[in-house]
Amino acid sequence: MDEKSLQLKRRDNEEQATAGRARILGLPYLDTREFENDIPLVQDLLPVEQMHRDYILPLQAGGGEQHYQYMVTSQTPRSLIEKMRQEYTDEGERVDFFLISNSAYKVFMLRYDPPKQVHYDDIKIAGEGDSETINSVSKTLSIVSTEKVFDFLIDQADKLGASDIHIENMRNEIRIRMRVDGLLHPVANIDKDRYRIFMGELSSRANVSMASNKPQSGHMQKDIYRDGVSHILNIRVETIPTMYGQDAVLRLFNFDESLLNLDLLGLSSEERGEINEVISHPRGLVLMVGPTGSGKSTTLYSMLNALNTSDRKIITLEDPIEYGITGISQIPINTNAGGSFADGLRSVLRLDPDVVMVGEIRDADTAKTAIQASITGHLVLSSFHANSTSAAFSRMIDLIGVNPIFSSSIRLIVAQRLVRKLADSKKPREATDAERRYLEETLKGIPEKYLEGMDLSNITLYDPVATEVDPFGYAGRTVIMEQLVVSEDIQKFIRGDVSDINTDEIEKTAKANGMLTLEQKGILAALRGETTLEEVSRVI
């Protein structure tokens, strides 16, 4: 889904939510999308200052029957609406109020009170050795006004689709890098004065101290408005003292429930079917494994969204809460201040939940509590650090020992990575002999259905081609997912029926039962032209 489609989807979701609020408030709902950019503005009925202060806009002034109409939002004081109703009634005039969305209000306000600001060039990502682009962006950041430079940087990172902003102290300057599609790219080098502005904003907005000599964590939100649609950006802030000053990493989470959807993960019908089968059961343990930045949280939240119905009680324990989801009780667990997932889990089980999501299983106590919960009528979702599904089993056994209860509770382990997708400019080429041998060896023994339409004796691979739009030849990322559905053969390892418990043996058994490994899934994606072998090798 491209950026424009996402913006339209966000606006559609906001309008639906506003229509629901209108019913609660007892006001007629008005969808302004068809006319908000070109309807003539009603002038001289309300001062601009009041429009800003009270979130109210004129729609129609008087007329033949002295009929006035105003647009309001959920932030407009109800007392103001009632006061205006009374005043117009006393004058023998008719007045109506319509509820509009916040995005609609912002479109009208930009027309009533256009921002008086200088246009700054968009930030561009520099390629390898591209000092000219870095110098250009550095110059732009140096001239953006003091009160806007921090917001400008975050807005530009969101526009580029960056997942992180890294602000790093060096001897004579500050380096800014952004992580786009999983790779860090240099953006700019700025002087220490600009750095102090950034850190001053972080200090006040994210509640972190510039003077601290300890690592700190903070959180902030920013409302991003673009192309007639607004969305909330959740920003997790981590700072750490270094030799030359405090480094900061800002992790950006696009708060949009419509994107937390299993349909948007690009799963095959078979992968989606296995997940649906497991999460449709009322009890059991589902684990997501993978390194930081592999998309575990997004997949877990998408599963929660699929389960989020009016007949289920869903509770999450998170450190920190990355996405807020309507209809789910989300509990922050501050492990830095002595909180623990295990204690939190024991507490929430008394609240009679149907589904519980534990942010991460980090210790034996949390693991055993989660397992206990999963066999007593709860569906438990969690993440766990391991490189693969098979490694997750052997690591869990190391953590809690051979455990028959674990064998009856665990239903599915999903390992995933995010690989960069090739842009449409990709160029086909014939595989080398070494590549062909590697592919044949790695894909040996997989079911024929996965090789349908592929000729391993005449393999076409693809290389990225840089363009103005996609300077690295890649556009976005796609999920590579390894799913291990726990069968009777796998349970034998967990129960201790098999003496040799190691990752290789577990993986061998899982492959015999039809599982495809991350490497095999990545190679199949490369053969379909979705990514490159180099990208699969880098990530997997």
Protein backbone atom coordinates (compact mmCIF):
# COMPACT_ATOMS: atom_id res chain seq x y z
CA MET A 1 0.00 0.00 0.00
CA ASP A 2 1.59 3.30 -1.12
CA GLU A 3 1.78 6.44 1.03
CA LYS A 4 -1.20 8.13 -0.66
CA SER A 5 -3.40 5.06 -0.14
CA LEU A 6 -2.35 4.92 3.52
CA GLN A 7 -3.22 8.60 3.97
CA LEU A 8 -6.65 8.03 2.44
CA LYS A 9 -7.16 4.98 4.66
CA ARG A 10 -6.21 6.97 7.77
CA ARG A 11 -8.64 9.75 6.84
CA ASP A 12 -11.40 7.22 6.18
CA ASN A 13 -10.84 5.65 9.61
CA GLU A 14 -10.91 9.08 11.26
CA GLU A 15 -14.18 10.02 9.55
CA GLN A 16 -15.78 6.74 10.66
CA ALA A 17 -14.68 7.39 14.25
CA THR A 18 -16.05 10.96 14.07
CA ALA A 19 -19.40 9.68 12.82
CA GLY A 20 -19.51 7.41 15.87
CA ARG A 21 -18.68 10.30 18.22
CA ALA A 22 -21.42 12.42 16.61
CA ARG A 23 -24.02 9.82 17.57
CA ILE A 24 -22.77 9.86 21.17
CA LEU A 25 -22.76 13.67 21.34
CA GLY A 26 -26.17 13.98 19.67
CA LEU A 27 -24.86 16.15 16.83
CA PRO A 28 -25.29 15.63 13.06
CA TYR A 29 -22.06 14.40 11.43
CA LEU A 30 -20.64 16.17 8.37
CA ASP A 31 -18.09 14.61 5.99
CA THR A 32 -16.35 17.59 4.39
CA ARG A 33 -13.92 15.74 2.12
CA GLU A 34 -15.74 16.55 -1.12
CA PHE A 35 -15.78 20.33 -0.61
CA GLU A 36 -13.31 21.32 2.13
CA ASN A 37 -10.64 22.55 -0.27
CA ASP A 38 -12.84 24.64 -2.58
CA ILE A 39 -16.03 25.75 -0.77
CA PRO A 40 -16.07 29.56 -0.36
CA LEU A 41 -15.07 30.56 3.15
CA VAL A 42 -17.56 32.45 5.33
CA GLN A 43 -15.78 35.62 6.35
CA ASP A 44 -16.31 38.07 9.23
CA LEU A 45 -18.60 35.80 11.27
CA LEU A 46 -16.03 34.51 13.76
CA PRO A 47 -12.57 35.89 14.59
CA VAL A 48 -9.69 33.58 13.69
CA GLU A 49 -8.54 33.64 17.32
CA GLN A 50 -11.84 32.06 18.41
CA MET A 51 -11.66 29.45 15.66
CA HIS A 52 -8.28 28.40 17.06
CA ARG A 53 -9.34 28.58 20.70
CA ASP A 54 -12.77 26.91 20.52
CA TYR A 55 -12.32 24.60 17.51
CA ILE A 56 -15.35 26.10 15.78
CA LEU A 57 -15.78 27.17 12.14
CA PRO A 58 -18.56 28.99 10.25
CA LEU A 59 -20.31 27.04 7.48
CA GLN A 60 -23.21 29.34 6.55
CA ALA A 61 -23.94 32.90 7.63
CA GLY A 62 -27.59 33.91 7.80
CA GLY A 63 -29.46 33.68 4.52
CA GLY A 64 -33.06 34.39 3.64
CA GLU A 65 -34.39 32.75 6.81
CA GLN A 66 -31.51 33.89 9.01
CA HIS A 67 -30.24 30.31 9.22
CA TYR A 68 -26.71 30.03 10.59
CA GLN A 69 -24.56 26.86 10.50
CA TYR A 70 -21.29 26.07 12.30
CA MET A 71 -18.80 23.19 12.20
CA VAL A 72 -17.43 21.94 15.53
CA THR A 73 -15.13 19.15 16.70
CA SER A 74 -15.10 16.88 19.73
CA GLN A 75 -12.77 19.47 21.36
CA THR A 76 -15.29 22.32 21.08
CA PRO A 77 -16.66 23.22 24.56
CA ARG A 78 -20.25 21.96 24.89
CA SER A 79 -21.00 25.01 27.02
CA LEU A 80 -20.14 27.25 24.04
CA ILE A 81 -22.50 25.33 21.74
CA GLU A 82 -25.38 25.61 24.26
CA LYS A 83 -24.67 29.31 24.85
CA MET A 84 -24.70 30.08 21.11
CA ARG A 85 -27.91 28.07 20.62
CA GLN A 86 -29.62 30.16 23.31
CA GLU A 87 -28.35 33.47 21.90
CA TYR A 88 -29.56 32.71 18.36
CA THR A 89 -32.92 31.44 19.66
CA ASP A 90 -33.37 34.63 21.69
CA GLU A 91 -32.79 36.64 18.50
CA GLY A 92 -35.42 34.56 16.67
CA GLU A 93 -32.78 33.03 14.40
CA ARG A 94 -32.02 29.40 13.58
CA VAL A 95 -28.61 27.82 14.21
CA ASP A 96 -27.27 24.30 13.55
CA PHE A 97 -23.98 22.67 14.59
CA PHE A 98 -22.27 19.83 12.68
CA LEU A 99 -19.50 17.60 14.02
CA ILE A 100 -16.45 17.31 11.74
CA SER A 101 -13.17 15.42 12.10
CA ASN A 102 -9.96 16.98 13.40
CA SER A 103 -8.37 16.55 9.95
CA ALA A 104 -11.28 18.46 8.35
CA TYR A 105 -10.90 21.23 10.95
CA LYS A 106 -7.17 21.52 10.16
CA VAL A 107 -7.85 21.77 6.39
CA PHE A 108 -10.26 24.67 6.96
CA MET A 109 -7.94 26.39 9.46
CA LEU A 110 -5.07 26.24 6.98
CA ARG A 111 -7.35 28.14 4.58
CA TYR A 112 -8.55 30.65 7.19
CA ASP A 113 -5.11 31.17 8.71
CA PRO A 114 -2.39 30.03 6.29
CA PRO A 115 0.96 29.45 8.02
CA LYS A 116 3.47 32.16 7.42
CA GLN A 117 6.58 30.07 7.09
CA VAL A 118 9.63 29.60 4.96
CA HIS A 119 9.72 26.51 2.75
CA TYR A 120 12.71 24.30 3.47
CA ASP A 121 14.03 21.67 1.09
CA ASP A 122 13.10 18.08 1.92
CA ILE A 123 15.81 15.94 3.49
CA LYS A 124 17.40 13.42 1.12
CA ILE A 125 19.24 10.26 2.07
CA ALA A 126 22.88 10.23 1.00
CA GLY A 127 24.40 7.31 -0.86
CA GLU A 128 27.81 5.80 -0.20
CA GLY A 129 30.43 8.56 -0.33
CA ASP A 130 27.82 11.21 -1.23
CA SER A 131 29.22 14.14 0.76
CA GLU A 132 27.40 16.69 -1.41
CA THR A 133 23.93 15.56 -0.21
CA ILE A 134 25.13 15.46 3.41
CA ASN A 135 26.48 19.01 3.12
CA SER A 136 23.22 20.19 1.54
CA VAL A 137 21.04 18.70 4.30
CA SER A 138 23.44 19.99 6.97
CA LYS A 139 23.05 23.49 5.51
CA THR A 140 19.25 23.17 5.54
CA LEU A 141 19.22 22.10 9.20
CA SER A 142 21.46 25.02 10.08
CA ILE A 143 19.01 27.61 8.67
CA VAL A 144 15.71 26.13 9.93
CA SER A 145 14.45 28.40 12.69
CA THR A 146 15.29 27.38 16.26
CA GLU A 147 11.71 26.68 17.32
CA LYS A 148 11.03 24.49 14.26
CA VAL A 149 14.22 22.52 13.65
CA PHE A 150 13.34 19.59 15.96
CA ASP A 151 9.82 19.21 14.51
CA PHE A 152 11.24 19.58 11.00
CA LEU A 153 13.65 16.68 11.55
CA ILE A 154 10.93 14.36 12.91
CA ASP A 155 8.49 15.31 10.16
CA GLN A 156 11.13 14.63 7.51
CA ALA A 157 12.02 11.26 9.09
CA ASP A 158 8.35 10.27 8.99
CA LYS A 159 8.11 11.39 5.36
CA LEU A 160 11.12 9.22 4.47
CA GLY A 161 9.59 6.23 6.29
CA ALA A 162 12.51 6.10 8.77
CA SER A 163 12.15 3.84 11.81
CA ASP A 164 14.90 5.55 13.86
CA ILE A 165 16.75 8.85 14.14
CA HIS A 166 20.27 8.60 15.59
CA ILE A 167 21.85 11.76 17.03
CA GLU A 168 25.52 10.98 17.73
CA ASN A 169 28.26 13.10 19.31
CA MET A 170 31.62 13.23 17.59
CA ARG A 171 34.69 15.25 18.47
CA ASN A 172 33.89 18.41 16.49
CA GLU A 173 30.32 17.95 15.28
CA ILE A 174 27.09 15.98 15.66
CA ARG A 175 26.22 13.25 13.17
CA ILE A 176 22.57 12.57 12.33
CA ARG A 177 21.64 9.26 10.75
CA MET A 178 18.29 7.68 9.91
CA ARG A 179 17.39 4.02 9.61
CA VAL A 180 15.36 3.50 6.47
CA ASP A 181 14.26 0.00 5.40
CA GLY A 182 16.50 -1.49 8.09
CA LEU A 183 19.76 0.24 7.08
CA LEU A 184 21.37 3.28 8.71
CA HIS A 185 22.06 6.16 6.34
CA PRO A 186 24.02 9.36 7.09
CA VAL A 187 21.84 12.44 6.76
CA ALA A 188 23.70 15.46 8.11
CA ASN A 189 26.54 16.77 10.26
CA ILE A 190 25.56 19.72 12.45
CA ASP A 191 27.32 21.92 14.94
CA LYS A 192 27.03 21.75 18.73
CA ASP A 193 24.58 24.68 18.92
CA ARG A 194 21.96 22.77 16.92
CA TYR A 195 22.60 19.72 19.10
CA ARG A 196 21.78 21.72 22.22
CA ILE A 197 18.46 22.73 20.63
CA PHE A 198 17.62 19.09 19.85
CA MET A 199 18.50 17.92 23.34
CA GLY A 200 16.64 20.85 24.92
CA GLU A 201 13.47 19.81 23.06
CA LEU A 202 14.00 16.16 24.02
CA SER A 203 14.50 17.15 27.62
CA SER A 204 11.18 18.99 27.85
CA ARG A 205 9.05 16.74 25.63
CA ALA A 206 10.31 13.26 26.54
CA ASN A 207 11.17 13.99 30.18
CA VAL A 208 14.86 13.13 29.97
CA SER A 209 17.67 15.12 31.57
CA MET A 210 20.49 16.63 29.55
CA ALA A 211 22.73 16.56 32.64
CA SER A 212 22.25 12.88 33.52
CA ASN A 213 25.28 10.57 33.49
CA LYS A 214 23.09 7.46 33.21
CA PRO A 215 21.15 5.93 30.29
CA GLN A 216 17.56 7.21 30.16
CA SER A 217 14.32 6.25 28.44
CA GLY A 218 11.53 8.62 27.50
CA HIS A 219 8.45 8.86 25.36
CA MET A 220 6.68 11.56 23.35
CA GLN A 221 4.04 11.92 20.67
CA LYS A 222 3.85 14.20 17.66
CA ASP A 223 0.85 14.94 15.47
CA ILE A 224 1.94 14.71 11.82
CA TYR A 225 -0.23 16.56 9.29
CA ARG A 226 0.33 15.86 5.60
CA ASP A 227 -1.79 15.93 2.43
CA GLY A 228 -5.01 16.71 4.28
CA VAL A 229 -4.64 13.86 6.79
CA SER A 230 -3.13 13.73 10.26
CA HIS A 231 -1.69 10.79 12.18
CA ILE A 232 0.01 10.39 15.53
CA LEU A 233 3.66 9.42 15.70
CA ASN A 234 4.70 7.63 18.87
CA ILE A 235 8.38 8.29 19.61
CA ARG A 236 10.45 6.23 22.02
CA VAL A 237 13.56 8.09 23.17
CA GLU A 238 16.75 6.44 24.47
CA THR A 239 19.74 8.50 25.58
CA ILE A 240 23.18 7.41 26.77
CA PRO A 241 26.25 9.41 27.86
CA THR A 242 29.29 9.05 25.59
CA MET A 243 32.78 10.53 25.52
CA TYR A 244 31.66 13.75 23.79
CA GLY A 245 28.09 14.14 25.09
CA GLN A 246 24.70 12.44 25.25
CA ASP A 247 23.78 10.35 22.22
CA ALA A 248 20.09 9.91 21.51
CA VAL A 249 18.09 7.43 19.45
CA LEU A 250 14.49 8.25 18.57
CA ARG A 251 12.42 5.20 17.54
CA LEU A 252 9.39 6.20 15.49
CA PHE A 253 6.14 4.23 15.66
CA ASN A 254 3.38 5.24 13.31
CA PHE A 255 0.27 5.11 15.51
CA ASP A 256 -2.33 3.86 13.06
CA GLU A 257 -4.58 0.98 14.02
CA SER A 258 -5.55 0.41 10.38
CA LEU A 259 -1.95 -0.65 9.62
CA LEU A 260 -1.94 -3.29 12.37
CA ASN A 261 -3.60 -5.82 10.14
CA LEU A 262 -2.49 -9.35 9.23
CA ASP A 263 -3.72 -8.72 5.68
CA LEU A 264 -1.05 -6.02 5.25
CA LEU A 265 1.91 -8.22 6.24
CA GLY A 266 2.15 -9.90 2.84
CA LEU A 267 1.65 -13.41 4.24
CA SER A 268 0.89 -16.33 1.95
CA SER A 269 -2.50 -18.01 2.35
CA GLU A 270 -0.76 -20.96 4.02
CA GLU A 271 1.11 -18.76 6.54
CA ARG A 272 -2.06 -16.79 7.31
CA GLY A 273 -4.04 -20.04 7.66
CA GLU A 274 -1.61 -21.47 10.24
CA ILE A 275 -1.77 -18.27 12.31
CA ASN A 276 -5.57 -18.12 12.09
CA GLU A 277 -5.86 -21.76 13.15
CA VAL A 278 -3.73 -21.26 16.25
CA ILE A 279 -5.06 -17.90 17.47
CA SER A 280 -8.67 -19.03 17.00
CA HIS A 281 -8.21 -21.51 19.87
CA PRO A 282 -9.12 -20.27 23.36
CA ARG A 283 -5.85 -21.32 24.96
CA GLY A 284 -2.19 -21.94 24.17
CA LEU A 285 1.13 -20.10 23.88
CA VAL A 286 2.28 -18.31 20.72
CA LEU A 287 5.85 -16.95 20.57
CA MET A 288 7.33 -14.41 18.15
CA VAL A 289 11.12 -14.60 17.88
CA GLY A 290 13.73 -12.54 16.12
CA PRO A 291 16.26 -9.75 16.73
CA THR A 292 15.40 -6.12 17.48
CA GLY A 293 13.84 -4.41 14.48
CA SER A 294 12.54 -7.58 12.82
CA GLY A 295 8.89 -6.52 13.04
CA LYS A 296 7.90 -8.79 15.95
CA SER A 297 5.82 -6.11 17.66
CA THR A 298 3.89 -5.23 14.50
CA THR A 299 2.99 -8.88 13.90
CA LEU A 300 1.97 -9.39 17.54
CA TYR A 301 -0.20 -6.27 17.49
CA SER A 302 -1.74 -7.40 14.18
CA MET A 303 -2.66 -10.71 15.82
CA LEU A 304 -4.20 -8.80 18.73
CA ASN A 305 -6.19 -6.63 16.32
CA ALA A 306 -7.52 -9.78 14.61
CA LEU A 307 -8.62 -11.08 18.04
CA ASN A 308 -10.01 -7.72 19.17
CA THR A 309 -13.77 -8.40 19.23
CA SER A 310 -16.45 -7.35 21.68
CA ASP A 311 -16.72 -10.85 23.18
CA ARG A 312 -13.03 -11.08 24.22
CA LYS A 313 -11.18 -9.47 27.11
CA ILE A 314 -7.63 -8.66 25.96
CA ILE A 315 -4.91 -7.39 28.29
CA THR A 316 -1.32 -6.54 27.39
CA LEU A 317 1.78 -6.06 29.55
CA GLU A 318 4.36 -3.92 27.75
CA ASP A 319 7.66 -2.18 28.38
CA PRO A 320 6.93 0.35 26.96
CA ILE A 321 3.55 0.52 25.19
CA GLU A 322 4.39 1.06 21.52
CA TYR A 323 0.91 1.24 19.95
CA GLY A 324 -2.35 2.15 21.67
CA ILE A 325 -5.26 0.00 20.46
CA THR A 326 -8.91 0.81 21.09
CA GLY A 327 -10.74 -1.89 23.04
CA ILE A 328 -7.63 -3.45 24.62
CA SER A 329 -6.45 -2.90 28.22
CA GLN A 330 -2.74 -2.06 27.96
CA ILE A 331 -0.59 -2.01 31.09
CA PRO A 332 2.91 -0.45 31.14
CA ILE A 333 5.54 -2.46 33.03
CA ASN A 334 8.53 -0.36 34.05
CA THR A 335 11.22 -3.01 34.44
CA ASN A 336 13.83 -0.29 35.06
CA ALA A 337 11.97 0.67 38.22
CA GLY A 338 11.66 -2.86 39.56
CA GLY A 339 8.50 -3.99 37.78
CA SER A 340 8.38 -7.50 36.33
CA PHE A 341 6.35 -9.17 33.61
CA ALA A 342 5.84 -12.24 35.82
CA ASP A 343 4.29 -10.23 38.69
CA GLY A 344 2.16 -8.26 36.25
CA LEU A 345 0.97 -11.44 34.54
CA ARG A 346 -0.03 -13.05 37.84
CA SER A 347 -2.04 -9.92 38.68
CA VAL A 348 -3.91 -9.61 35.37
CA LEU A 349 -4.90 -13.28 35.34
CA ARG A 350 -7.24 -12.41 38.22
CA LEU A 351 -9.08 -10.03 35.84
CA ASP A 352 -10.44 -12.96 33.80
CA PRO A 353 -8.83 -12.15 30.42
CA ASP A 354 -9.35 -14.31 27.33
CA VAL A 355 -6.12 -13.16 25.65
CA VAL A 356 -2.92 -11.87 27.26
CA MET A 357 0.06 -10.39 25.46
CA VAL A 358 3.35 -10.27 27.39
CA GLY A 359 5.82 -7.86 25.80
CA GLU A 360 8.81 -10.17 26.20
CA ILE A 361 9.75 -13.36 28.03
CA ARG A 362 13.12 -12.53 29.59
CA ASP A 363 13.46 -14.91 32.53
CA ALA A 364 12.37 -18.31 33.85
CA ASP A 365 9.75 -16.83 36.19
CA THR A 366 7.95 -15.05 33.33
CA ALA A 367 8.25 -18.12 31.10
CA LYS A 368 6.74 -20.47 33.70
CA THR A 369 3.94 -18.02 34.54
CA ALA A 370 3.09 -17.59 30.83
CA ILE A 371 3.06 -21.36 30.33
CA GLN A 372 0.81 -21.83 33.38
CA ALA A 373 -1.57 -19.18 32.06
CA SER A 374 -1.71 -20.79 28.62
CA ILE A 375 -2.94 -24.14 29.98
CA THR A 376 -5.60 -22.63 32.25
CA GLY A 377 -7.86 -21.24 29.56
CA HIS A 378 -5.92 -18.25 28.23
CA LEU A 379 -4.36 -17.53 24.86
CA VAL A 380 -0.93 -16.03 25.61
CA LEU A 381 1.10 -14.14 23.00
CA SER A 382 4.67 -13.03 23.62
CA SER A 383 8.06 -12.33 22.07
CA PHE A 384 11.31 -14.11 22.82
CA HIS A 385 14.87 -13.46 21.67
CA ALA A 386 16.19 -16.27 19.47
CA ASN A 387 17.52 -16.49 15.92
CA SER A 388 15.07 -19.15 14.69
CA THR A 389 12.07 -21.18 15.79
CA SER A 390 14.24 -24.22 16.55
CA ALA A 391 16.72 -22.12 18.52
CA ALA A 392 13.78 -20.73 20.51
CA PHE A 393 12.86 -24.24 21.65
CA SER A 394 16.35 -25.16 22.76
CA ARG A 395 16.80 -21.77 24.47
CA MET A 396 13.46 -22.11 26.28
CA ILE A 397 14.44 -25.60 27.45
CA ASP A 398 17.74 -24.13 28.74
CA LEU A 399 15.70 -21.47 30.56
CA ILE A 400 13.07 -23.67 32.26
CA GLY A 401 14.42 -27.21 31.85
CA VAL A 402 12.59 -30.14 30.28
CA ASN A 403 8.97 -29.31 30.98
CA PRO A 404 6.00 -31.54 30.03
CA ILE A 405 3.58 -28.66 30.67
CA PHE A 406 5.46 -26.52 28.12
CA SER A 407 4.96 -29.26 25.51
CA SER A 408 1.18 -29.14 25.93
CA SER A 409 0.98 -25.33 26.02
CA ILE A 410 3.16 -24.15 23.13
CA ARG A 411 1.23 -24.17 19.86
CA LEU A 412 3.17 -21.97 17.44
CA ILE A 413 6.55 -20.26 17.19
CA VAL A 414 7.06 -17.65 14.48
CA ALA A 415 10.52 -16.33 13.55
CA GLN A 416 10.67 -13.40 11.19
CA ARG A 417 12.93 -10.91 9.48
CA LEU A 418 12.34 -7.86 7.32
CA VAL A 419 14.16 -7.74 3.97
CA ARG A 420 14.21 -4.82 1.58
CA LYS A 421 11.93 -5.15 -1.44
CA LEU A 422 13.32 -4.50 -4.91
CA ALA A 423 11.91 -1.44 -6.65
CA ASP A 424 10.24 -1.78 -10.05
CA SER A 425 13.49 -0.63 -11.66
CA LYS A 426 15.10 -4.03 -10.83
CA LYS A 427 17.22 -5.73 -13.50
CA PRO A 428 17.06 -9.50 -14.26
CA ARG A 429 20.21 -11.57 -14.61
CA GLU A 430 21.18 -15.21 -14.89
CA ALA A 431 22.37 -16.93 -11.71
CA THR A 432 26.05 -17.86 -11.50
CA ASP A 433 27.13 -21.50 -11.15
CA ALA A 434 28.00 -20.95 -7.48
CA GLU A 435 24.61 -19.37 -6.81
CA ARG A 436 22.83 -22.21 -8.62
CA ARG A 437 24.62 -24.84 -6.52
CA TYR A 438 23.82 -22.94 -3.33
CA LEU A 439 20.13 -22.63 -4.25
CA GLU A 440 19.81 -26.31 -5.20
CA GLU A 441 21.47 -27.39 -1.95
CA THR A 442 19.41 -25.08 0.27
CA LEU A 443 16.08 -25.92 -1.38
CA LYS A 444 16.73 -29.67 -1.48
CA GLY A 445 13.78 -31.64 -0.13
CA ILE A 446 11.22 -28.83 0.11
CA PRO A 447 7.69 -29.68 -1.14
CA GLU A 448 7.26 -29.28 -4.91
CA LYS A 449 4.34 -26.87 -4.47
CA TYR A 450 6.80 -24.16 -3.40
CA LEU A 451 8.83 -24.57 -6.60
CA GLU A 452 5.87 -24.45 -8.95
CA GLY A 453 6.81 -22.57 -12.11
CA MET A 454 10.52 -22.42 -11.16
CA ASP A 455 13.28 -24.11 -13.17
CA LEU A 456 16.35 -24.54 -10.93
CA SER A 457 18.48 -25.39 -13.96
CA ASN A 458 17.76 -21.98 -15.51
CA ILE A 459 17.50 -19.49 -12.64
CA THR A 460 16.79 -15.78 -13.03
CA LEU A 461 17.78 -13.48 -10.19
CA TYR A 462 17.40 -9.71 -9.90
CA ASP A 463 19.69 -6.83 -9.01
CA PRO A 464 18.66 -3.39 -7.66
CA VAL A 465 18.82 -0.41 -10.03
CA ALA A 466 19.06 3.04 -8.43
CA THR A 467 16.68 5.74 -9.63
CA GLU A 468 15.81 9.29 -8.58
CA VAL A 469 12.76 7.98 -6.70
CA ASP A 470 14.49 4.93 -5.16
CA PRO A 471 18.17 5.90 -4.80
CA PHE A 472 19.21 2.42 -3.58
CA GLY A 473 17.02 0.35 -5.90
CA TYR A 474 14.82 -0.82 -3.02
CA ALA A 475 11.37 0.36 -1.96
CA GLY A 476 10.02 -0.69 1.43
CA ARG A 477 10.42 -4.02 3.20
CA THR A 478 8.62 -7.34 3.24
CA VAL A 479 8.26 -10.02 5.91
CA ILE A 480 10.13 -13.33 5.71
CA MET A 481 8.46 -15.68 8.18
CA GLU A 482 9.38 -19.12 9.54
CA GLN A 483 6.45 -20.84 11.25
CA LEU A 484 6.87 -23.92 13.42
CA VAL A 485 3.51 -25.46 14.34
CA VAL A 486 4.17 -27.72 17.30
CA SER A 487 3.50 -31.34 16.35
CA GLU A 488 3.80 -34.57 18.34
CA ASP A 489 7.34 -35.07 16.98
CA ILE A 490 8.40 -31.62 18.28
CA GLN A 491 6.73 -32.20 21.65
CA LYS A 492 9.05 -35.18 22.22
CA PHE A 493 12.02 -32.80 22.50
CA ILE A 494 10.21 -30.63 25.05
CA ARG A 495 9.05 -33.56 27.17
CA GLY A 496 12.54 -35.05 27.25
CA ASP A 497 11.60 -38.16 25.22
CA VAL A 498 14.58 -37.38 22.95
CA SER A 499 17.98 -37.43 24.64
CA ASP A 500 19.80 -35.23 22.10
CA ILE A 501 18.10 -31.84 22.44
CA ASN A 502 19.79 -29.32 20.13
CA THR A 503 18.76 -26.75 17.57
CA ASP A 504 19.89 -28.78 14.54
CA GLU A 505 17.88 -31.86 15.52
CA ILE A 506 14.75 -29.82 16.27
CA GLU A 507 15.06 -28.02 12.92
CA LYS A 508 15.63 -31.29 11.06
CA THR A 509 12.46 -32.74 12.58
CA ALA A 510 10.46 -29.58 11.82
CA LYS A 511 11.64 -29.60 8.19
CA ALA A 512 10.62 -33.24 7.88
CA ASN A 513 7.16 -32.13 9.03
CA GLY A 514 7.00 -29.53 6.23
CA MET A 515 8.46 -26.38 7.79
CA LEU A 516 10.43 -24.01 5.57
CA THR A 517 13.33 -22.22 7.26
CA LEU A 518 13.94 -18.47 7.14
CA GLU A 519 16.75 -19.03 4.66
CA GLN A 520 14.52 -21.10 2.37
CA LYS A 521 11.69 -18.55 2.58
CA GLY A 522 14.15 -15.76 1.78
CA ILE A 523 15.55 -17.62 -1.23
CA LEU A 524 12.04 -18.26 -2.59
CA ALA A 525 11.35 -14.51 -2.26
CA ALA A 526 14.55 -13.81 -4.24
CA LEU A 527 13.48 -16.30 -6.94
CA ARG A 528 10.13 -14.51 -7.18
CA GLY A 529 12.00 -11.25 -7.78
CA GLU A 530 10.88 -9.64 -4.53
CA THR A 531 14.39 -9.18 -3.09
CA THR A 532 18.03 -10.15 -3.73
CA LEU A 533 20.21 -13.01 -2.50
CA GLU A 534 22.57 -10.40 -1.04
CA GLU A 535 19.73 -8.94 1.03
CA VAL A 536 18.67 -12.40 2.23
CA SER A 537 22.28 -13.13 3.21
CA ARG A 538 22.61 -9.79 5.03
CA VAL A 539 19.44 -10.22 7.07
CA ILE A 540 19.10 -13.98 7.54
